[in-house]
Amino acid sequence: MRTESPRGGENYPPQFQADALALYESRRGATIASIAADLGLNAATLRTRIRAAGKAAPRAAAPAPTATAPALGAENEALRRKVRELEEERDIPYRPASILRAELRAEPTP
């Protein structure tokens, strides 16, 4: 099916290239890498063929599930609480030093 090209790469028959492009167009949820793996091609080779054919369109691997607004609101509130908690924990080491400085300034010098 493959032949050596003068540059040292491989040439694929026109029918194989057309079938690879048709497979790319028919599998909307699939990535170029997954289609190339199915065909035994390098992903860069298939990507080059797709671009040359003018069919390069950005595609996502799969649509992410969407959450409802109340669920997102609850998650945001929980995350805000966690951020406040972590900020308080982060600031604890700095509080005693500032309190100590204030105490040292308040002490009379002999």
N, C-alpha and C. Protein backbone atom coordinates (compact mmCIF):
# COMPACT_ATOMS: atom_id res chain seq x y z
N MET A 1 0.82 -1.18 0.00
CA MET A 1 0.00 0.00 0.00
C MET A 1 0.87 1.25 0.00
N ARG A 2 2.01 1.22 0.69
CA ARG A 2 2.88 2.38 0.76
C ARG A 2 4.09 2.19 -0.15
N THR A 3 4.57 3.30 -0.66
CA THR A 3 5.80 3.28 -1.44
C THR A 3 6.73 4.34 -0.91
N GLU A 4 8.01 4.17 -1.13
CA GLU A 4 9.00 5.15 -0.67
C GLU A 4 8.97 6.37 -1.58
N SER A 5 9.04 7.54 -0.98
CA SER A 5 9.12 8.77 -1.76
C SER A 5 10.57 9.15 -1.96
N PRO A 6 10.87 10.03 -2.90
CA PRO A 6 12.25 10.44 -3.12
C PRO A 6 12.88 11.12 -1.89
N ARG A 7 12.06 11.72 -1.04
CA ARG A 7 12.59 12.40 0.15
C ARG A 7 12.82 11.44 1.30
N GLY A 8 12.47 10.20 1.16
CA GLY A 8 12.69 9.22 2.21
C GLY A 8 11.44 8.92 3.02
N GLY A 9 10.37 9.64 2.80
CA GLY A 9 9.11 9.38 3.50
C GLY A 9 8.31 8.33 2.77
N GLU A 10 7.05 8.26 3.11
CA GLU A 10 6.19 7.27 2.46
C GLU A 10 5.10 7.99 1.67
N ASN A 11 4.78 7.43 0.53
CA ASN A 11 3.67 7.92 -0.27
C ASN A 11 2.52 6.94 -0.14
N TYR A 12 1.33 7.46 0.05
CA TYR A 12 0.15 6.62 0.15
C TYR A 12 -0.66 6.78 -1.13
N PRO A 13 -1.29 5.72 -1.59
CA PRO A 13 -2.10 5.79 -2.81
C PRO A 13 -3.21 6.82 -2.65
N PRO A 14 -3.61 7.46 -3.75
CA PRO A 14 -4.68 8.47 -3.68
C PRO A 14 -5.97 7.95 -3.06
N GLN A 15 -6.32 6.70 -3.33
CA GLN A 15 -7.55 6.14 -2.77
C GLN A 15 -7.45 6.05 -1.25
N PHE A 16 -6.28 5.65 -0.75
CA PHE A 16 -6.09 5.56 0.69
C PHE A 16 -6.19 6.95 1.33
N GLN A 17 -5.60 7.94 0.69
CA GLN A 17 -5.67 9.31 1.19
C GLN A 17 -7.12 9.80 1.22
N ALA A 18 -7.87 9.52 0.16
CA ALA A 18 -9.27 9.92 0.09
C ALA A 18 -10.09 9.24 1.18
N ASP A 19 -9.80 7.96 1.41
CA ASP A 19 -10.52 7.23 2.46
C ASP A 19 -10.18 7.79 3.84
N ALA A 20 -8.93 8.18 4.05
CA ALA A 20 -8.53 8.76 5.33
C ALA A 20 -9.26 10.08 5.57
N LEU A 21 -9.37 10.90 4.53
CA LEU A 21 -10.10 12.17 4.64
C LEU A 21 -11.58 11.93 4.91
N ALA A 22 -12.15 10.96 4.23
CA ALA A 22 -13.57 10.63 4.43
C ALA A 22 -13.81 10.15 5.87
N LEU A 23 -12.89 9.36 6.38
CA LEU A 23 -13.01 8.89 7.76
C LEU A 23 -12.93 10.06 8.74
N TYR A 24 -12.03 10.99 8.47
CA TYR A 24 -11.90 12.19 9.31
C TYR A 24 -13.20 12.99 9.32
N GLU A 25 -13.81 13.14 8.15
CA GLU A 25 -15.05 13.91 8.06
C GLU A 25 -16.22 13.19 8.70
N SER A 26 -16.23 11.88 8.68
CA SER A 26 -17.37 11.13 9.19
C SER A 26 -17.33 10.95 10.71
N ARG A 27 -16.16 11.03 11.30
CA ARG A 27 -16.03 10.82 12.76
C ARG A 27 -15.83 12.16 13.45
N ARG A 28 -16.90 12.88 13.66
CA ARG A 28 -16.83 14.24 14.21
C ARG A 28 -16.25 14.30 15.62
N GLY A 29 -16.47 13.33 16.46
CA GLY A 29 -15.98 13.37 17.83
C GLY A 29 -14.55 12.88 17.98
N ALA A 30 -13.98 12.33 16.92
CA ALA A 30 -12.65 11.73 17.01
C ALA A 30 -11.57 12.76 16.73
N THR A 31 -10.42 12.56 17.35
CA THR A 31 -9.28 13.44 17.11
C THR A 31 -8.47 12.93 15.94
N ILE A 32 -7.63 13.79 15.41
CA ILE A 32 -6.75 13.39 14.31
C ILE A 32 -5.84 12.26 14.77
N ALA A 33 -5.34 12.36 16.00
CA ALA A 33 -4.44 11.33 16.53
C ALA A 33 -5.12 9.96 16.59
N SER A 34 -6.39 9.94 17.02
CA SER A 34 -7.08 8.65 17.13
C SER A 34 -7.37 8.05 15.75
N ILE A 35 -7.73 8.89 14.80
CA ILE A 35 -7.98 8.40 13.44
C ILE A 35 -6.68 7.89 12.82
N ALA A 36 -5.60 8.65 13.01
CA ALA A 36 -4.30 8.23 12.47
C ALA A 36 -3.86 6.91 13.07
N ALA A 37 -4.08 6.74 14.37
CA ALA A 37 -3.72 5.47 15.01
C ALA A 37 -4.53 4.32 14.43
N ASP A 38 -5.81 4.55 14.17
CA ASP A 38 -6.65 3.50 13.57
C ASP A 38 -6.16 3.10 12.18
N LEU A 39 -5.61 4.07 11.45
CA LEU A 39 -5.15 3.80 10.09
C LEU A 39 -3.69 3.38 10.02
N GLY A 40 -2.98 3.47 11.14
CA GLY A 40 -1.57 3.13 11.15
C GLY A 40 -0.70 4.23 10.57
N LEU A 41 -1.18 5.47 10.68
CA LEU A 41 -0.44 6.63 10.17
C LEU A 41 0.14 7.43 11.32
N ASN A 42 1.09 8.28 10.99
CA ASN A 42 1.55 9.27 11.93
C ASN A 42 0.51 10.39 11.94
N ALA A 43 0.21 10.94 13.12
CA ALA A 43 -0.81 11.98 13.21
C ALA A 43 -0.43 13.21 12.39
N ALA A 44 0.86 13.53 12.33
CA ALA A 44 1.30 14.70 11.56
C ALA A 44 1.04 14.49 10.06
N THR A 45 1.19 13.26 9.60
CA THR A 45 0.94 12.96 8.19
C THR A 45 -0.53 13.19 7.86
N LEU A 46 -1.41 12.67 8.70
CA LEU A 46 -2.84 12.86 8.45
C LEU A 46 -3.22 14.33 8.56
N ARG A 47 -2.66 15.03 9.55
CA ARG A 47 -2.96 16.46 9.72
C ARG A 47 -2.54 17.23 8.48
N THR A 48 -1.38 16.90 7.91
CA THR A 48 -0.90 17.56 6.70
C THR A 48 -1.85 17.31 5.54
N ARG A 49 -2.32 16.08 5.40
CA ARG A 49 -3.26 15.74 4.32
C ARG A 49 -4.58 16.49 4.49
N ILE A 50 -5.03 16.61 5.73
CA ILE A 50 -6.30 17.31 5.99
C ILE A 50 -6.15 18.79 5.64
N ARG A 51 -5.05 19.39 6.05
CA ARG A 51 -4.82 20.80 5.74
C ARG A 51 -4.69 21.02 4.24
N ALA A 52 -4.00 20.13 3.57
CA ALA A 52 -3.82 20.25 2.12
C ALA A 52 -5.17 20.16 1.40
N ALA A 53 -6.07 19.38 1.96
CA ALA A 53 -7.40 19.23 1.34
C ALA A 53 -8.33 20.39 1.72
N GLY A 54 -7.86 21.28 2.60
CA GLY A 54 -8.68 22.42 3.01
C GLY A 54 -9.80 22.05 3.95
N LYS A 55 -9.64 20.98 4.67
CA LYS A 55 -10.69 20.51 5.57
C LYS A 55 -10.30 20.67 7.03
N ALA A 56 -9.25 21.43 7.30
CA ALA A 56 -8.80 21.59 8.68
C ALA A 56 -9.77 22.48 9.44
N ALA A 57 -10.42 21.89 10.39
CA ALA A 57 -11.33 22.63 11.27
C ALA A 57 -11.01 22.21 12.70
N PRO A 58 -10.91 23.16 13.61
CA PRO A 58 -10.63 22.77 15.00
C PRO A 58 -11.76 21.91 15.54
N ARG A 59 -11.37 20.84 16.23
CA ARG A 59 -12.36 19.92 16.77
C ARG A 59 -12.02 19.58 18.20
N ALA A 60 -13.03 19.43 18.99
CA ALA A 60 -12.83 19.01 20.36
C ALA A 60 -12.91 17.49 20.42
N ALA A 61 -12.23 16.90 21.37
CA ALA A 61 -12.25 15.45 21.51
C ALA A 61 -13.66 14.97 21.82
N ALA A 62 -14.32 15.61 22.76
CA ALA A 62 -15.69 15.26 23.09
C ALA A 62 -16.29 16.42 23.87
N PRO A 63 -17.56 16.68 23.68
CA PRO A 63 -18.16 17.78 24.43
C PRO A 63 -18.22 17.45 25.92
N ALA A 64 -17.91 18.43 26.73
CA ALA A 64 -17.94 18.24 28.18
C ALA A 64 -19.38 18.34 28.66
N PRO A 65 -19.72 17.54 29.66
CA PRO A 65 -21.08 17.64 30.19
C PRO A 65 -21.28 18.99 30.88
N THR A 66 -22.45 19.54 30.72
CA THR A 66 -22.73 20.83 31.32
C THR A 66 -23.46 20.64 32.65
N ALA A 67 -23.14 21.48 33.60
CA ALA A 67 -23.79 21.42 34.91
C ALA A 67 -24.89 22.47 34.96
N THR A 68 -25.82 22.27 35.85
CA THR A 68 -26.91 23.22 35.98
C THR A 68 -26.46 24.42 36.79
N ALA A 69 -27.18 25.52 36.66
CA ALA A 69 -26.83 26.76 37.36
C ALA A 69 -26.83 26.59 38.88
N PRO A 70 -27.83 25.95 39.48
CA PRO A 70 -27.78 25.78 40.94
C PRO A 70 -26.58 24.95 41.40
N ALA A 71 -26.24 23.94 40.64
CA ALA A 71 -25.08 23.11 41.01
C ALA A 71 -23.80 23.93 40.92
N LEU A 72 -23.70 24.77 39.89
CA LEU A 72 -22.52 25.61 39.76
C LEU A 72 -22.45 26.64 40.88
N GLY A 73 -23.59 27.20 41.25
CA GLY A 73 -23.62 28.17 42.35
C GLY A 73 -23.17 27.54 43.66
N ALA A 74 -23.65 26.33 43.92
CA ALA A 74 -23.26 25.63 45.15
C ALA A 74 -21.77 25.31 45.14
N GLU A 75 -21.27 24.88 43.99
CA GLU A 75 -19.84 24.58 43.88
C GLU A 75 -19.00 25.84 44.06
N ASN A 76 -19.43 26.95 43.46
CA ASN A 76 -18.70 28.21 43.62
C ASN A 76 -18.65 28.64 45.07
N GLU A 77 -19.76 28.52 45.78
CA GLU A 77 -19.79 28.90 47.19
C GLU A 77 -18.86 28.02 48.01
N ALA A 78 -18.85 26.72 47.75
CA ALA A 78 -17.95 25.82 48.47
C ALA A 78 -16.49 26.17 48.18
N LEU A 79 -16.20 26.51 46.95
CA LEU A 79 -14.83 26.89 46.59
C LEU A 79 -14.42 28.20 47.25
N ARG A 80 -15.35 29.15 47.33
CA ARG A 80 -15.05 30.42 48.01
C ARG A 80 -14.76 30.19 49.49
N ARG A 81 -15.55 29.31 50.14
CA ARG A 81 -15.29 28.98 51.55
C ARG A 81 -13.91 28.38 51.71
N LYS A 82 -13.55 27.48 50.81
CA LYS A 82 -12.24 26.82 50.89
C LYS A 82 -11.12 27.84 50.69
N VAL A 83 -11.29 28.79 49.78
CA VAL A 83 -10.28 29.82 49.56
C VAL A 83 -10.11 30.67 50.81
N ARG A 84 -11.23 31.07 51.43
CA ARG A 84 -11.13 31.86 52.67
C ARG A 84 -10.39 31.09 53.75
N GLU A 85 -10.72 29.80 53.89
CA GLU A 85 -10.06 28.95 54.88
C GLU A 85 -8.56 28.85 54.62
N LEU A 86 -8.19 28.64 53.38
CA LEU A 86 -6.77 28.52 53.04
C LEU A 86 -6.04 29.85 53.22
N GLU A 87 -6.71 30.96 52.91
CA GLU A 87 -6.07 32.26 53.11
C GLU A 87 -5.82 32.52 54.59
N GLU A 88 -6.77 32.13 55.44
CA GLU A 88 -6.58 32.28 56.88
C GLU A 88 -5.43 31.43 57.37
N GLU A 89 -5.34 30.18 56.91
CA GLU A 89 -4.24 29.30 57.30
C GLU A 89 -2.90 29.86 56.83
N ARG A 90 -2.90 30.43 55.65
CA ARG A 90 -1.67 31.01 55.11
C ARG A 90 -1.21 32.20 55.95
N ASP A 91 -2.16 33.00 56.43
CA ASP A 91 -1.83 34.23 57.15
C ASP A 91 -1.48 33.99 58.62
N ILE A 92 -1.74 32.83 59.18
CA ILE A 92 -1.47 32.57 60.59
C ILE A 92 0.00 32.82 60.96
N PRO A 93 0.98 32.34 60.19
CA PRO A 93 2.36 32.58 60.60
C PRO A 93 2.74 34.06 60.65
N TYR A 94 2.06 34.92 59.94
CA TYR A 94 2.41 36.33 59.91
C TYR A 94 1.78 37.10 61.07
N ARG A 95 0.72 36.65 61.63
CA ARG A 95 0.05 37.34 62.73
C ARG A 95 0.91 37.42 63.98
N PRO A 96 1.49 36.34 64.47
CA PRO A 96 2.26 36.44 65.71
C PRO A 96 3.43 37.42 65.58
N ALA A 97 4.07 37.49 64.44
CA ALA A 97 5.19 38.40 64.28
C ALA A 97 4.72 39.85 64.40
N SER A 98 3.59 40.17 63.84
CA SER A 98 3.10 41.54 63.92
C SER A 98 2.66 41.86 65.35
N ILE A 99 2.08 40.89 66.04
CA ILE A 99 1.69 41.10 67.43
C ILE A 99 2.94 41.29 68.30
N LEU A 100 3.96 40.49 68.05
CA LEU A 100 5.21 40.59 68.81
C LEU A 100 5.85 41.95 68.59
N ARG A 101 5.86 42.44 67.39
CA ARG A 101 6.44 43.76 67.12
C ARG A 101 5.69 44.85 67.88
N ALA A 102 4.37 44.75 67.90
CA ALA A 102 3.57 45.73 68.62
C ALA A 102 3.88 45.69 70.11
N GLU A 103 4.05 44.50 70.66
CA GLU A 103 4.38 44.37 72.09
C GLU A 103 5.76 44.93 72.39
N LEU A 104 6.72 44.71 71.50
CA LEU A 104 8.06 45.20 71.72
C LEU A 104 8.09 46.73 71.68
N ARG A 105 7.30 47.31 70.82
CA ARG A 105 7.24 48.77 70.72
C ARG A 105 6.59 49.37 71.97
N ALA A 106 5.65 48.65 72.55
CA ALA A 106 4.92 49.16 73.71
C ALA A 106 5.76 49.10 74.99
N GLU A 107 6.77 48.23 75.07
CA GLU A 107 7.57 48.11 76.28
C GLU A 107 8.48 49.31 76.46
N PRO A 108 8.54 49.83 77.69
CA PRO A 108 9.45 50.95 77.93
C PRO A 108 10.90 50.46 77.95
N THR A 109 11.79 51.25 77.48
CA THR A 109 13.20 50.90 77.49
C THR A 109 13.84 51.42 78.77
N PRO A 110 14.70 50.65 79.44
CA PRO A 110 15.30 51.08 80.72
C PRO A 110 16.35 52.15 80.56
